[in-house]
């Protein structure tokens, strides 16, 4: 096990006050400010794709992200 950090890719834009969650092979970076919402697709230790998936206009520092089963909120 390697106990050091290394950069394997970059976001499309910088971010601050965000939260992130890994779901399957994607890491979603949900901004807490005016920055974009981003998705990073990973495969093993490699970044395959990075994209902006949206924006929001409100300020919510460090939003709480939860992965729930399909139909949970119905």
PDB file of N, CA and C in Angstrom:
ATOM      1  N   UNK A   1       0.847  -1.186   0.000  1.00  0.00           N
ATOM      2  CA  UNK A   1       0.000   0.000   0.000  1.00  0.00           C
ATOM      3  C   UNK A   1       0.887   1.242   0.000  1.00  0.00           C
ATOM      4  N   UNK A   2       0.548   2.156  -0.874  1.00  0.00           N
ATOM      5  CA  UNK A   2       1.282   3.415  -0.976  1.00  0.00           C
ATOM      6  C   UNK A   2       0.520   4.482  -0.200  1.00  0.00           C
ATOM      7  N   UNK A   3       1.117   5.065   0.802  1.00  0.00           N
ATOM      8  CA  UNK A   3       0.444   6.060   1.637  1.00  0.00           C
ATOM      9  C   UNK A   3       0.671   7.491   1.163  1.00  0.00           C
ATOM     10  N   UNK A   4       0.891   7.675  -0.121  1.00  0.00           N
ATOM     11  CA  UNK A   4       1.085   9.033  -0.625  1.00  0.00           C
ATOM     12  C   UNK A   4       0.005   9.367  -1.656  1.00  0.00           C
ATOM     13  N   UNK A   5      -0.246  10.647  -1.791  1.00  0.00           N
ATOM     14  CA  UNK A   5      -1.232  11.152  -2.742  1.00  0.00           C
ATOM     15  C   UNK A   5      -0.526  11.527  -4.032  1.00  0.00           C
ATOM     16  N   UNK A   6      -1.239  11.374  -5.140  1.00  0.00           N
ATOM     17  CA  UNK A   6      -0.713  11.831  -6.416  1.00  0.00           C
ATOM     18  C   UNK A   6      -1.870  12.312  -7.283  1.00  0.00           C
ATOM     19  N   UNK A   7      -1.600  13.254  -8.154  1.00  0.00           N
ATOM     20  CA  UNK A   7      -2.617  13.783  -9.051  1.00  0.00           C
ATOM     21  C   UNK A   7      -2.726  12.880 -10.263  1.00  0.00           C
ATOM     22  N   UNK A   8      -3.970  12.468 -10.596  1.00  0.00           N
ATOM     23  CA  UNK A   8      -4.166  11.619 -11.771  1.00  0.00           C
ATOM     24  C   UNK A   8      -5.012  12.301 -12.841  1.00  0.00           C
ATOM     25  N   UNK A   9      -5.472  13.517 -12.575  1.00  0.00           N
ATOM     26  CA  UNK A   9      -6.283  14.239 -13.550  1.00  0.00           C
ATOM     27  C   UNK A   9      -6.624  15.615 -13.030  1.00  0.00           C
ATOM     28  N   UNK A  10      -7.429  16.328 -13.802  1.00  0.00           N
ATOM     29  CA  UNK A  10      -7.828  17.686 -13.423  1.00  0.00           C
ATOM     30  C   UNK A  10      -9.308  17.882 -13.693  1.00  0.00           C
ATOM     31  N   UNK A  11      -9.909  18.759 -12.902  1.00  0.00           N
ATOM     32  CA  UNK A  11     -11.283  19.168 -13.165  1.00  0.00           C
ATOM     33  C   UNK A  11     -11.303  20.137 -14.340  1.00  0.00           C
ATOM     34  N   UNK A  12     -12.465  20.302 -14.957  1.00  0.00           N
ATOM     35  CA  UNK A  12     -12.600  21.269 -16.050  1.00  0.00           C
ATOM     36  C   UNK A  12     -12.416  22.694 -15.535  1.00  0.00           C
ATOM     37  N   UNK A  13     -12.909  22.958 -14.313  1.00  0.00           N
ATOM     38  CA  UNK A  13     -12.750  24.268 -13.660  1.00  0.00           C
ATOM     39  C   UNK A  13     -12.449  24.024 -12.186  1.00  0.00           C
ATOM     40  N   UNK A  14     -11.778  24.977 -11.568  1.00  0.00           N
ATOM     41  CA  UNK A  14     -11.507  24.892 -10.142  1.00  0.00           C
ATOM     42  C   UNK A  14     -12.791  24.924  -9.340  1.00  0.00           C
ATOM     43  N   UNK A  15     -12.714  24.625  -8.056  1.00  0.00           N
ATOM     44  CA  UNK A  15     -13.916  24.571  -7.234  1.00  0.00           C
ATOM     45  C   UNK A  15     -13.570  24.963  -5.798  1.00  0.00           C
ATOM     46  N   UNK A  16     -14.593  25.307  -5.046  1.00  0.00           N
ATOM     47  CA  UNK A  16     -14.447  25.617  -3.621  1.00  0.00           C
ATOM     48  C   UNK A  16     -15.764  25.323  -2.928  1.00  0.00           C
ATOM     49  N   UNK A  17     -15.707  25.049  -1.658  1.00  0.00           N
ATOM     50  CA  UNK A  17     -16.895  24.782  -0.831  1.00  0.00           C
ATOM     51  C   UNK A  17     -17.757  23.663  -1.405  1.00  0.00           C
ATOM     52  N   UNK A  18     -17.127  22.684  -1.988  1.00  0.00           N
ATOM     53  CA  UNK A  18     -17.848  21.606  -2.659  1.00  0.00           C
ATOM     54  C   UNK A  18     -17.893  20.345  -1.799  1.00  0.00           C
ATOM     55  N   UNK A  19     -18.666  19.380  -2.268  1.00  0.00           N
ATOM     56  CA  UNK A  19     -18.663  18.028  -1.735  1.00  0.00           C
ATOM     57  C   UNK A  19     -18.548  17.088  -2.920  1.00  0.00           C
ATOM     58  N   UNK A  20     -18.108  15.889  -2.663  1.00  0.00           N
ATOM     59  CA  UNK A  20     -18.003  14.925  -3.755  1.00  0.00           C
ATOM     60  C   UNK A  20     -18.474  13.565  -3.274  1.00  0.00           C
ATOM     61  N   UNK A  21     -18.908  12.749  -4.239  1.00  0.00           N
ATOM     62  CA  UNK A  21     -19.378  11.406  -3.942  1.00  0.00           C
ATOM     63  C   UNK A  21     -19.001  10.504  -5.111  1.00  0.00           C
ATOM     64  N   UNK A  22     -18.569   9.290  -4.804  1.00  0.00           N
ATOM     65  CA  UNK A  22     -18.235   8.314  -5.846  1.00  0.00           C
ATOM     66  C   UNK A  22     -19.407   7.359  -6.001  1.00  0.00           C
ATOM     67  N   UNK A  23     -19.915   7.256  -7.209  1.00  0.00           N
ATOM     68  CA  UNK A  23     -20.984   6.325  -7.541  1.00  0.00           C
ATOM     69  C   UNK A  23     -20.524   5.539  -8.758  1.00  0.00           C
ATOM     70  N   UNK A  24     -20.373   4.234  -8.568  1.00  0.00           N
ATOM     71  CA  UNK A  24     -19.849   3.350  -9.615  1.00  0.00           C
ATOM     72  C   UNK A  24     -18.497   3.870 -10.087  1.00  0.00           C
ATOM     73  N   UNK A  25     -18.349   4.164 -11.369  1.00  0.00           N
ATOM     74  CA  UNK A  25     -17.068   4.632 -11.906  1.00  0.00           C
ATOM     75  C   UNK A  25     -17.017   6.146 -12.073  1.00  0.00           C
ATOM     76  N   UNK A  26     -17.871   6.857 -11.377  1.00  0.00           N
ATOM     77  CA  UNK A  26     -17.901   8.314 -11.492  1.00  0.00           C
ATOM     78  C   UNK A  26     -17.743   8.972 -10.132  1.00  0.00           C
ATOM     79  N   UNK A  27     -17.035  10.087 -10.138  1.00  0.00           N
ATOM     80  CA  UNK A  27     -16.977  10.949  -8.960  1.00  0.00           C
ATOM     81  C   UNK A  27     -17.711  12.227  -9.341  1.00  0.00           C
ATOM     82  N   UNK A  28     -18.724  12.578  -8.564  1.00  0.00           N
ATOM     83  CA  UNK A  28     -19.496  13.790  -8.794  1.00  0.00           C
ATOM     84  C   UNK A  28     -19.006  14.857  -7.833  1.00  0.00           C
ATOM     85  N   UNK A  29     -18.656  16.024  -8.360  1.00  0.00           N
ATOM     86  CA  UNK A  29     -18.191  17.149  -7.562  1.00  0.00           C
ATOM     87  C   UNK A  29     -19.301  18.197  -7.609  1.00  0.00           C
ATOM     88  N   UNK A  30     -19.968  18.370  -6.486  1.00  0.00           N
ATOM     89  CA  UNK A  30     -21.110  19.279  -6.411  1.00  0.00           C
ATOM     90  C   UNK A  30     -20.651  20.541  -5.701  1.00  0.00           C
ATOM     91  N   UNK A  31     -20.620  21.614  -6.461  1.00  0.00           N
ATOM     92  CA  UNK A  31     -20.105  22.883  -5.970  1.00  0.00           C
ATOM     93  C   UNK A  31     -21.001  23.470  -4.902  1.00  0.00           C
ATOM     94  N   UNK A  32     -20.386  24.222  -4.016  1.00  0.00           N
ATOM     95  CA  UNK A  32     -21.146  24.938  -3.017  1.00  0.00           C
ATOM     96  C   UNK A  32     -21.247  26.416  -3.340  1.00  0.00           C
ATOM     97  N   UNK A  33     -20.632  26.843  -4.415  1.00  0.00           N
ATOM     98  CA  UNK A  33     -20.649  28.250  -4.796  1.00  0.00           C
ATOM     99  C   UNK A  33     -21.079  28.364  -6.246  1.00  0.00           C
ATOM    100  N   UNK A  34     -20.577  29.365  -6.940  1.00  0.00           N
ATOM    101  CA  UNK A  34     -20.971  29.602  -8.328  1.00  0.00           C
ATOM    102  C   UNK A  34     -20.225  28.715  -9.316  1.00  0.00           C
ATOM    103  N   UNK A  35     -19.425  27.804  -8.808  1.00  0.00           N
ATOM    104  CA  UNK A  35     -18.649  26.925  -9.673  1.00  0.00           C
ATOM    105  C   UNK A  35     -19.537  25.853 -10.302  1.00  0.00           C
ATOM    106  N   UNK A  36     -19.069  25.195 -11.362  1.00  0.00           N
ATOM    107  CA  UNK A  36     -19.906  24.206 -12.037  1.00  0.00           C
ATOM    108  C   UNK A  36     -20.008  22.881 -11.275  1.00  0.00           C
ATOM    109  N   UNK A  37     -21.040  22.121 -11.609  1.00  0.00           N
ATOM    110  CA  UNK A  37     -21.194  20.756 -11.133  1.00  0.00           C
ATOM    111  C   UNK A  37     -20.423  19.883 -12.118  1.00  0.00           C
ATOM    112  N   UNK A  38     -19.595  18.984 -11.626  1.00  0.00           N
ATOM    113  CA  UNK A  38     -18.724  18.232 -12.516  1.00  0.00           C
ATOM    114  C   UNK A  38     -18.790  16.732 -12.233  1.00  0.00           C
ATOM    115  N   UNK A  39     -18.503  15.951 -13.274  1.00  0.00           N
ATOM    116  CA  UNK A  39     -18.420  14.496 -13.153  1.00  0.00           C
ATOM    117  C   UNK A  39     -17.085  14.051 -13.719  1.00  0.00           C
ATOM    118  N   UNK A  40     -16.386  13.209 -12.960  1.00  0.00           N
ATOM    119  CA  UNK A  40     -15.115  12.645 -13.404  1.00  0.00           C
ATOM    120  C   UNK A  40     -15.309  11.138 -13.510  1.00  0.00           C
ATOM    121  N   UNK A  41     -15.080  10.597 -14.686  1.00  0.00           N
ATOM    122  CA  UNK A  41     -15.177   9.154 -14.904  1.00  0.00           C
ATOM    123  C   UNK A  41     -13.803   8.533 -14.695  1.00  0.00           C
ATOM    124  N   UNK A  42     -13.753   7.509 -13.839  1.00  0.00           N
ATOM    125  CA  UNK A  42     -12.478   6.867 -13.546  1.00  0.00           C
ATOM    126  C   UNK A  42     -12.537   5.385 -13.915  1.00  0.00           C
ATOM    127  N   UNK A  43     -11.382   4.860 -14.231  1.00  0.00           N
ATOM    128  CA  UNK A  43     -11.229   3.430 -14.475  1.00  0.00           C
ATOM    129  C   UNK A  43      -9.937   3.004 -13.802  1.00  0.00           C
ATOM    130  N   UNK A  44     -10.073   2.276 -12.707  1.00  0.00           N
ATOM    131  CA  UNK A  44      -8.890   1.927 -11.920  1.00  0.00           C
ATOM    132  C   UNK A  44      -8.274   3.181 -11.338  1.00  0.00           C
ATOM    133  N   UNK A  45      -7.027   3.426 -11.649  1.00  0.00           N
ATOM    134  CA  UNK A  45      -6.330   4.614 -11.166  1.00  0.00           C
ATOM    135  C   UNK A  45      -6.208   5.683 -12.246  1.00  0.00           C
ATOM    136  N   UNK A  46      -7.019   5.598 -13.297  1.00  0.00           N
ATOM    137  CA  UNK A  46      -6.928   6.543 -14.403  1.00  0.00           C
ATOM    138  C   UNK A  46      -8.225   7.333 -14.586  1.00  0.00           C
ATOM    139  N   UNK A  47      -8.081   8.602 -14.925  1.00  0.00           N
ATOM    140  CA  UNK A  47      -9.220   9.431 -15.266  1.00  0.00           C
ATOM    141  C   UNK A  47      -9.512   9.223 -16.752  1.00  0.00           C
ATOM    142  N   UNK A  48     -10.737   8.814 -17.067  1.00  0.00           N
ATOM    143  CA  UNK A  48     -11.119   8.585 -18.461  1.00  0.00           C
ATOM    144  C   UNK A  48     -11.789   9.801 -19.079  1.00  0.00           C
ATOM    145  N   UNK A  49     -12.514  10.579 -18.262  1.00  0.00           N
ATOM    146  CA  UNK A  49     -13.232  11.739 -18.787  1.00  0.00           C
ATOM    147  C   UNK A  49     -13.563  12.676 -17.629  1.00  0.00           C
ATOM    148  N   UNK A  50     -13.614  13.943 -17.934  1.00  0.00           N
ATOM    149  CA  UNK A  50     -14.020  14.964 -16.973  1.00  0.00           C
ATOM    150  C   UNK A  50     -14.953  15.912 -17.708  1.00  0.00           C
ATOM    151  N   UNK A  51     -16.126  16.187 -17.118  1.00  0.00           N
ATOM    152  CA  UNK A  51     -17.080  17.044 -17.808  1.00  0.00           C
ATOM    153  C   UNK A  51     -17.879  17.903 -16.832  1.00  0.00           C
ATOM    154  N   UNK A  52     -18.315  19.045 -17.313  1.00  0.00           N
ATOM    155  CA  UNK A  52     -19.230  19.903 -16.569  1.00  0.00           C
ATOM    156  C   UNK A  52     -20.629  19.407 -16.875  1.00  0.00           C
ATOM    157  N   UNK A  53     -21.410  19.108 -15.830  1.00  0.00           N
ATOM    158  CA  UNK A  53     -22.749  18.563 -16.030  1.00  0.00           C
ATOM    159  C   UNK A  53     -23.857  19.546 -15.661  1.00  0.00           C
ATOM    160  N   UNK A  54     -23.490  20.730 -15.199  1.00  0.00           N
ATOM    161  CA  UNK A  54     -24.504  21.724 -14.873  1.00  0.00           C
ATOM    162  C   UNK A  54     -23.954  22.831 -13.990  1.00  0.00           C
ATOM    163  N   UNK A  55     -24.830  23.724 -13.629  1.00  0.00           N
ATOM    164  CA  UNK A  55     -24.496  24.826 -12.721  1.00  0.00           C
ATOM    165  C   UNK A  55     -25.726  25.119 -11.866  1.00  0.00           C
ATOM    166  N   UNK A  56     -25.512  25.708 -10.728  1.00  0.00           N
ATOM    167  CA  UNK A  56     -26.637  26.201  -9.934  1.00  0.00           C
ATOM    168  C   UNK A  56     -26.316  27.615  -9.492  1.00  0.00           C
ATOM    169  N   UNK A  57     -27.333  28.332  -9.121  1.00  0.00           N
ATOM    170  CA  UNK A  57     -27.139  29.750  -8.840  1.00  0.00           C
ATOM    171  C   UNK A  57     -27.148  30.086  -7.350  1.00  0.00           C
ATOM    172  N   UNK A  58     -27.431  29.103  -6.502  1.00  0.00           N
ATOM    173  CA  UNK A  58     -27.481  29.404  -5.075  1.00  0.00           C
ATOM    174  C   UNK A  58     -26.175  29.030  -4.396  1.00  0.00           C
ATOM    175  N   UNK A  59     -25.937  29.597  -3.241  1.00  0.00           N
ATOM    176  CA  UNK A  59     -24.730  29.309  -2.468  1.00  0.00           C
ATOM    177  C   UNK A  59     -25.092  28.356  -1.342  1.00  0.00           C
ATOM    178  N   UNK A  60     -24.572  27.168  -1.379  1.00  0.00           N
ATOM    179  CA  UNK A  60     -24.777  26.169  -0.332  1.00  0.00           C
ATOM    180  C   UNK A  60     -23.414  25.546  -0.044  1.00  0.00           C
ATOM    181  N   UNK A  61     -22.717  26.054   0.942  1.00  0.00           N
ATOM    182  CA  UNK A  61     -21.364  25.556   1.232  1.00  0.00           C
ATOM    183  C   UNK A  61     -21.401  24.097   1.670  1.00  0.00           C
ATOM    184  N   UNK A  62     -20.539  23.307   1.091  1.00  0.00           N
ATOM    185  CA  UNK A  62     -20.342  21.901   1.434  1.00  0.00           C
ATOM    186  C   UNK A  62     -21.665  21.123   1.483  1.00  0.00           C
ATOM    187  N   UNK A  63     -22.373  21.015   0.354  1.00  0.00           N
ATOM    188  CA  UNK A  63     -23.665  20.310   0.355  1.00  0.00           C
ATOM    189  C   UNK A  63     -23.493  18.847   0.786  1.00  0.00           C
ATOM    190  N   UNK A  64     -24.515  18.323   1.449  1.00  0.00           N
ATOM    191  CA  UNK A  64     -24.504  16.929   1.884  1.00  0.00           C
ATOM    192  C   UNK A  64     -24.992  16.069   0.729  1.00  0.00           C
ATOM    193  N   UNK A  65     -24.234  15.028   0.396  1.00  0.00           N
ATOM    194  CA  UNK A  65     -24.564  14.144  -0.716  1.00  0.00           C
ATOM    195  C   UNK A  65     -24.793  12.739  -0.183  1.00  0.00           C
ATOM    196  N   UNK A  66     -25.901  12.130  -0.576  1.00  0.00           N
ATOM    197  CA  UNK A  66     -26.224  10.784  -0.139  1.00  0.00           C
ATOM    198  C   UNK A  66     -26.566   9.928  -1.346  1.00  0.00           C
ATOM    199  N   UNK A  67     -26.072   8.717  -1.391  1.00  0.00           N
ATOM    200  CA  UNK A  67     -26.466   7.776  -2.426  1.00  0.00           C
ATOM    201  C   UNK A  67     -27.596   6.933  -1.859  1.00  0.00           C
ATOM    202  N   UNK A  68     -28.741   6.934  -2.538  1.00  0.00           N
ATOM    203  CA  UNK A  68     -29.905   6.196  -2.078  1.00  0.00           C
ATOM    204  C   UNK A  68     -30.382   5.262  -3.178  1.00  0.00           C
ATOM    205  N   UNK A  69     -31.172   4.231  -2.839  1.00  0.00           N
ATOM    206  CA  UNK A  69     -31.676   3.321  -3.860  1.00  0.00           C
ATOM    207  C   UNK A  69     -32.638   4.045  -4.824  1.00  0.00           C
ATOM    208  N   UNK A  70     -32.736   3.517  -6.036  1.00  0.00           N
ATOM    209  CA  UNK A  70     -33.676   4.058  -7.030  1.00  0.00           C
ATOM    210  C   UNK A  70     -35.080   3.999  -6.436  1.00  0.00           C
ATOM    211  N   UNK A  71     -35.864   5.072  -6.590  1.00  0.00           N
ATOM    212  CA  UNK A  71     -37.226   5.142  -6.078  1.00  0.00           C
ATOM    213  C   UNK A  71     -37.328   5.550  -4.627  1.00  0.00           C
ATOM    214  N   UNK A  72     -36.213   5.850  -3.975  1.00  0.00           N
ATOM    215  CA  UNK A  72     -36.193   6.201  -2.559  1.00  0.00           C
ATOM    216  C   UNK A  72     -37.046   7.414  -2.243  1.00  0.00           C
ATOM    217  N   UNK A  73     -37.036   8.402  -3.126  1.00  0.00           N
ATOM    218  CA  UNK A  73     -37.726   9.658  -2.853  1.00  0.00           C
ATOM    219  C   UNK A  73     -39.125   9.724  -3.467  1.00  0.00           C
ATOM    220  N   UNK A  74     -39.640   8.592  -3.907  1.00  0.00           N
ATOM    221  CA  UNK A  74     -40.966   8.588  -4.547  1.00  0.00           C
ATOM    222  C   UNK A  74     -42.037   8.447  -3.512  1.00  0.00           C
TER     223      UNK A  74
END
